[in-house]
């Protein structure tokens, strides 16, 4: 169970990196499209004909952020109860709580763009919590005691 815990925590951290890369690819592609004279408006988005380099980053970011990452985080929390890792449940619960907050910030950020600042900052917190969980699992597996902050 400790290996499963560590793998799930790593997956959360990796998914944060995927999320950042996907949205950056999408935004840079959209910027290039606009700089080339393209117009992105509600009509274009609803037409389903949006086609510029990087547009795939939007659905990747959305699907990962609303489905994949929360499911991995939930699995991490469930496994934490059986893994017998010092502070493992607390770290998994913190990670999952930050993931839930991240989803909410992403959803409500469309109506209040200022939340995008918190969305970006919270992504770093999710990453940090996941890495702390990885470290705790690694320490438990090796028999070491490390300070997990």
C-alpha atoms as a PDB file:
ATOM      1  CA  UNK A   1       0.000   0.000   0.000  1.00  0.00           C
ATOM      2  CA  UNK A   2       2.921   2.322   0.616  1.00  0.00           C
ATOM      3  CA  UNK A   3       4.040   1.893  -2.979  1.00  0.00           C
ATOM      4  CA  UNK A   4       0.526   2.671  -4.223  1.00  0.00           C
ATOM      5  CA  UNK A   5       0.452   5.763  -2.001  1.00  0.00           C
ATOM      6  CA  UNK A   6       3.799   6.948  -3.354  1.00  0.00           C
ATOM      7  CA  UNK A   7       2.818   6.285  -6.978  1.00  0.00           C
ATOM      8  CA  UNK A   8      -0.487   8.135  -6.588  1.00  0.00           C
ATOM      9  CA  UNK A   9       1.240  11.096  -4.938  1.00  0.00           C
ATOM     10  CA  UNK A  10       3.763  11.182  -7.802  1.00  0.00           C
ATOM     11  CA  UNK A  11       0.903  11.073 -10.307  1.00  0.00           C
ATOM     12  CA  UNK A  12      -0.707  14.119  -8.673  1.00  0.00           C
ATOM     13  CA  UNK A  13       2.587  16.028  -8.899  1.00  0.00           C
ATOM     14  CA  UNK A  14       3.100  14.963 -12.528  1.00  0.00           C
ATOM     15  CA  UNK A  15      -0.465  15.981 -13.397  1.00  0.00           C
ATOM     16  CA  UNK A  16       0.194  19.496 -12.054  1.00  0.00           C
ATOM     17  CA  UNK A  17       3.095  19.725 -14.513  1.00  0.00           C
ATOM     18  CA  UNK A  18       0.884  18.394 -17.335  1.00  0.00           C
ATOM     19  CA  UNK A  19      -1.770  20.962 -16.422  1.00  0.00           C
ATOM     20  CA  UNK A  20       0.686  23.848 -16.553  1.00  0.00           C
ATOM     21  CA  UNK A  21       2.142  22.667 -19.863  1.00  0.00           C
ATOM     22  CA  UNK A  22      -1.284  22.122 -21.457  1.00  0.00           C
ATOM     23  CA  UNK A  23      -2.673  25.537 -20.561  1.00  0.00           C
ATOM     24  CA  UNK A  24       0.558  27.285 -21.563  1.00  0.00           C
ATOM     25  CA  UNK A  25       0.497  25.518 -24.946  1.00  0.00           C
ATOM     26  CA  UNK A  26      -3.127  26.548 -25.448  1.00  0.00           C
ATOM     27  CA  UNK A  27      -2.593  30.167 -24.451  1.00  0.00           C
ATOM     28  CA  UNK A  28       0.546  30.617 -26.534  1.00  0.00           C
ATOM     29  CA  UNK A  29      -1.229  29.056 -29.516  1.00  0.00           C
ATOM     30  CA  UNK A  30      -4.229  31.318 -29.031  1.00  0.00           C
ATOM     31  CA  UNK A  31      -1.941  34.344 -28.758  1.00  0.00           C
ATOM     32  CA  UNK A  32      -0.201  33.429 -32.013  1.00  0.00           C
ATOM     33  CA  UNK A  33      -3.590  32.919 -33.682  1.00  0.00           C
ATOM     34  CA  UNK A  34      -4.757  36.369 -32.559  1.00  0.00           C
ATOM     35  CA  UNK A  35      -1.455  37.998 -33.541  1.00  0.00           C
ATOM     36  CA  UNK A  36      -1.973  36.497 -37.024  1.00  0.00           C
ATOM     37  CA  UNK A  37      -5.340  38.243 -37.341  1.00  0.00           C
ATOM     38  CA  UNK A  38      -7.583  35.510 -35.953  1.00  0.00           C
ATOM     39  CA  UNK A  39     -10.482  36.398 -33.698  1.00  0.00           C
ATOM     40  CA  UNK A  40     -11.530  34.285 -30.759  1.00  0.00           C
ATOM     41  CA  UNK A  41     -15.037  35.064 -29.586  1.00  0.00           C
ATOM     42  CA  UNK A  42     -18.042  33.206 -28.239  1.00  0.00           C
ATOM     43  CA  UNK A  43     -19.361  32.465 -31.737  1.00  0.00           C
ATOM     44  CA  UNK A  44     -16.082  30.825 -32.779  1.00  0.00           C
ATOM     45  CA  UNK A  45     -15.844  28.745 -29.615  1.00  0.00           C
ATOM     46  CA  UNK A  46     -19.469  27.574 -29.866  1.00  0.00           C
ATOM     47  CA  UNK A  47     -19.083  26.761 -33.569  1.00  0.00           C
ATOM     48  CA  UNK A  48     -16.637  24.004 -32.728  1.00  0.00           C
ATOM     49  CA  UNK A  49     -14.357  25.093 -35.561  1.00  0.00           C
ATOM     50  CA  UNK A  50     -11.598  26.535 -33.389  1.00  0.00           C
ATOM     51  CA  UNK A  51      -8.432  25.323 -35.043  1.00  0.00           C
ATOM     52  CA  UNK A  52      -5.096  26.805 -34.086  1.00  0.00           C
ATOM     53  CA  UNK A  53      -1.863  25.279 -32.858  1.00  0.00           C
ATOM     54  CA  UNK A  54      -2.233  24.486 -29.172  1.00  0.00           C
ATOM     55  CA  UNK A  55      -6.027  24.432 -29.011  1.00  0.00           C
ATOM     56  CA  UNK A  56      -5.833  20.824 -27.764  1.00  0.00           C
ATOM     57  CA  UNK A  57      -4.356  22.209 -24.545  1.00  0.00           C
ATOM     58  CA  UNK A  58      -7.748  23.565 -23.454  1.00  0.00           C
ATOM     59  CA  UNK A  59      -9.598  20.224 -23.316  1.00  0.00           C
ATOM     60  CA  UNK A  60      -6.537  18.491 -21.863  1.00  0.00           C
ATOM     61  CA  UNK A  61      -6.429  21.071 -19.077  1.00  0.00           C
ATOM     62  CA  UNK A  62     -10.180  20.858 -18.515  1.00  0.00           C
ATOM     63  CA  UNK A  63     -10.532  17.070 -18.492  1.00  0.00           C
ATOM     64  CA  UNK A  64      -7.411  16.512 -16.395  1.00  0.00           C
ATOM     65  CA  UNK A  65      -8.348  19.254 -13.982  1.00  0.00           C
ATOM     66  CA  UNK A  66     -11.978  18.325 -13.452  1.00  0.00           C
ATOM     67  CA  UNK A  67     -11.825  14.526 -13.697  1.00  0.00           C
ATOM     68  CA  UNK A  68      -8.370  12.916 -13.725  1.00  0.00           C
ATOM     69  CA  UNK A  69      -6.590  14.863 -10.970  1.00  0.00           C
ATOM     70  CA  UNK A  70      -9.533  14.734  -8.528  1.00  0.00           C
ATOM     71  CA  UNK A  71      -9.867  10.972  -9.051  1.00  0.00           C
ATOM     72  CA  UNK A  72      -6.155  10.423  -8.426  1.00  0.00           C
ATOM     73  CA  UNK A  73      -6.370  12.644  -5.348  1.00  0.00           C
ATOM     74  CA  UNK A  74      -9.355  10.710  -4.029  1.00  0.00           C
ATOM     75  CA  UNK A  75      -7.571   7.409  -4.638  1.00  0.00           C
ATOM     76  CA  UNK A  76      -4.555   8.786  -2.742  1.00  0.00           C
ATOM     77  CA  UNK A  77      -6.772   9.691   0.198  1.00  0.00           C
ATOM     78  CA  UNK A  78      -8.417   6.262   0.275  1.00  0.00           C
ATOM     79  CA  UNK A  79      -5.073   4.436   0.037  1.00  0.00           C
ATOM     80  CA  UNK A  80      -3.662   6.676   2.791  1.00  0.00           C
ATOM     81  CA  UNK A  81      -5.913   5.014   5.366  1.00  0.00           C
ATOM     82  CA  UNK A  82      -4.292   1.635   4.659  1.00  0.00           C
ATOM     83  CA  UNK A  83      -0.691   2.647   3.905  1.00  0.00           C
ATOM     84  CA  UNK A  84       0.336   3.258   7.522  1.00  0.00           C
ATOM     85  CA  UNK A  85       2.574   6.211   6.669  1.00  0.00           C
ATOM     86  CA  UNK A  86       3.356   8.757   9.352  1.00  0.00           C
ATOM     87  CA  UNK A  87       1.220  11.827   8.586  1.00  0.00           C
ATOM     88  CA  UNK A  88       0.131  10.041   5.392  1.00  0.00           C
ATOM     89  CA  UNK A  89      -3.592  10.610   5.890  1.00  0.00           C
ATOM     90  CA  UNK A  90      -3.042  14.278   6.770  1.00  0.00           C
ATOM     91  CA  UNK A  91      -0.868  14.828   3.692  1.00  0.00           C
ATOM     92  CA  UNK A  92      -3.307  13.005   1.403  1.00  0.00           C
ATOM     93  CA  UNK A  93      -6.257  14.940   2.875  1.00  0.00           C
ATOM     94  CA  UNK A  94      -4.394  18.230   2.407  1.00  0.00           C
ATOM     95  CA  UNK A  95      -3.549  17.307  -1.165  1.00  0.00           C
ATOM     96  CA  UNK A  96      -7.134  16.319  -1.924  1.00  0.00           C
ATOM     97  CA  UNK A  97      -8.513  19.450  -0.255  1.00  0.00           C
ATOM     98  CA  UNK A  98      -6.210  21.628  -2.346  1.00  0.00           C
ATOM     99  CA  UNK A  99      -7.316  19.739  -5.465  1.00  0.00           C
ATOM    100  CA  UNK A 100     -10.982  20.423  -4.641  1.00  0.00           C
ATOM    101  CA  UNK A 101     -10.131  24.105  -4.110  1.00  0.00           C
ATOM    102  CA  UNK A 102      -8.268  24.088  -7.432  1.00  0.00           C
ATOM    103  CA  UNK A 103     -11.303  22.753  -9.286  1.00  0.00           C
ATOM    104  CA  UNK A 104     -13.549  25.378  -7.693  1.00  0.00           C
ATOM    105  CA  UNK A 105     -11.118  28.189  -8.501  1.00  0.00           C
ATOM    106  CA  UNK A 106     -10.962  26.982 -12.095  1.00  0.00           C
ATOM    107  CA  UNK A 107     -14.740  26.823 -12.409  1.00  0.00           C
ATOM    108  CA  UNK A 108     -15.472  30.190 -10.802  1.00  0.00           C
ATOM    109  CA  UNK A 109     -12.450  31.877 -12.379  1.00  0.00           C
ATOM    110  CA  UNK A 110     -14.282  32.151 -15.684  1.00  0.00           C
ATOM    111  CA  UNK A 111     -16.720  34.568 -14.063  1.00  0.00           C
ATOM    112  CA  UNK A 112     -14.130  36.289 -11.874  1.00  0.00           C
ATOM    113  CA  UNK A 113     -10.754  36.303 -13.680  1.00  0.00           C
ATOM    114  CA  UNK A 114      -8.932  37.548 -10.583  1.00  0.00           C
ATOM    115  CA  UNK A 115      -9.368  34.024  -9.197  1.00  0.00           C
ATOM    116  CA  UNK A 116      -6.893  32.963 -11.881  1.00  0.00           C
ATOM    117  CA  UNK A 117      -4.141  34.332  -9.652  1.00  0.00           C
ATOM    118  CA  UNK A 118      -5.228  32.023  -6.847  1.00  0.00           C
ATOM    119  CA  UNK A 119      -5.672  29.154  -9.314  1.00  0.00           C
ATOM    120  CA  UNK A 120      -2.037  29.440 -10.377  1.00  0.00           C
ATOM    121  CA  UNK A 121      -0.769  29.805  -6.811  1.00  0.00           C
ATOM    122  CA  UNK A 122      -2.874  26.896  -5.564  1.00  0.00           C
ATOM    123  CA  UNK A 123      -1.457  24.675  -8.321  1.00  0.00           C
ATOM    124  CA  UNK A 124       1.955  25.149  -6.728  1.00  0.00           C
ATOM    125  CA  UNK A 125       0.487  24.235  -3.344  1.00  0.00           C
ATOM    126  CA  UNK A 126      -1.031  21.053  -4.801  1.00  0.00           C
ATOM    127  CA  UNK A 127       2.365  20.170  -6.259  1.00  0.00           C
ATOM    128  CA  UNK A 128       4.106  20.826  -2.948  1.00  0.00           C
ATOM    129  CA  UNK A 129       1.599  18.781  -0.959  1.00  0.00           C
ATOM    130  CA  UNK A 130       1.934  15.873  -3.385  1.00  0.00           C
ATOM    131  CA  UNK A 131       5.733  15.968  -3.192  1.00  0.00           C
ATOM    132  CA  UNK A 132       5.530  16.065   0.626  1.00  0.00           C
ATOM    133  CA  UNK A 133       3.357  12.944   0.458  1.00  0.00           C
ATOM    134  CA  UNK A 134       5.921  11.263  -1.810  1.00  0.00           C
ATOM    135  CA  UNK A 135       8.690  12.104   0.648  1.00  0.00           C
ATOM    136  CA  UNK A 136       6.699  10.729   3.578  1.00  0.00           C
ATOM    137  CA  UNK A 137       6.037   7.492   1.704  1.00  0.00           C
ATOM    138  CA  UNK A 138       9.670   7.171   0.680  1.00  0.00           C
ATOM    139  CA  UNK A 139      10.778   7.673   4.273  1.00  0.00           C
ATOM    140  CA  UNK A 140       8.275   5.093   5.532  1.00  0.00           C
ATOM    141  CA  UNK A 141       9.445   2.590   2.946  1.00  0.00           C
ATOM    142  CA  UNK A 142      13.101   3.040   3.846  1.00  0.00           C
ATOM    143  CA  UNK A 143      12.495   3.151   7.587  1.00  0.00           C
ATOM    144  CA  UNK A 144      13.849   6.700   7.857  1.00  0.00           C
ATOM    145  CA  UNK A 145      12.173   9.507   9.717  1.00  0.00           C
ATOM    146  CA  UNK A 146      12.137  12.810   7.889  1.00  0.00           C
ATOM    147  CA  UNK A 147      10.632  16.097   8.852  1.00  0.00           C
ATOM    148  CA  UNK A 148       7.533  16.612   6.733  1.00  0.00           C
ATOM    149  CA  UNK A 149       6.352  20.181   6.895  1.00  0.00           C
END
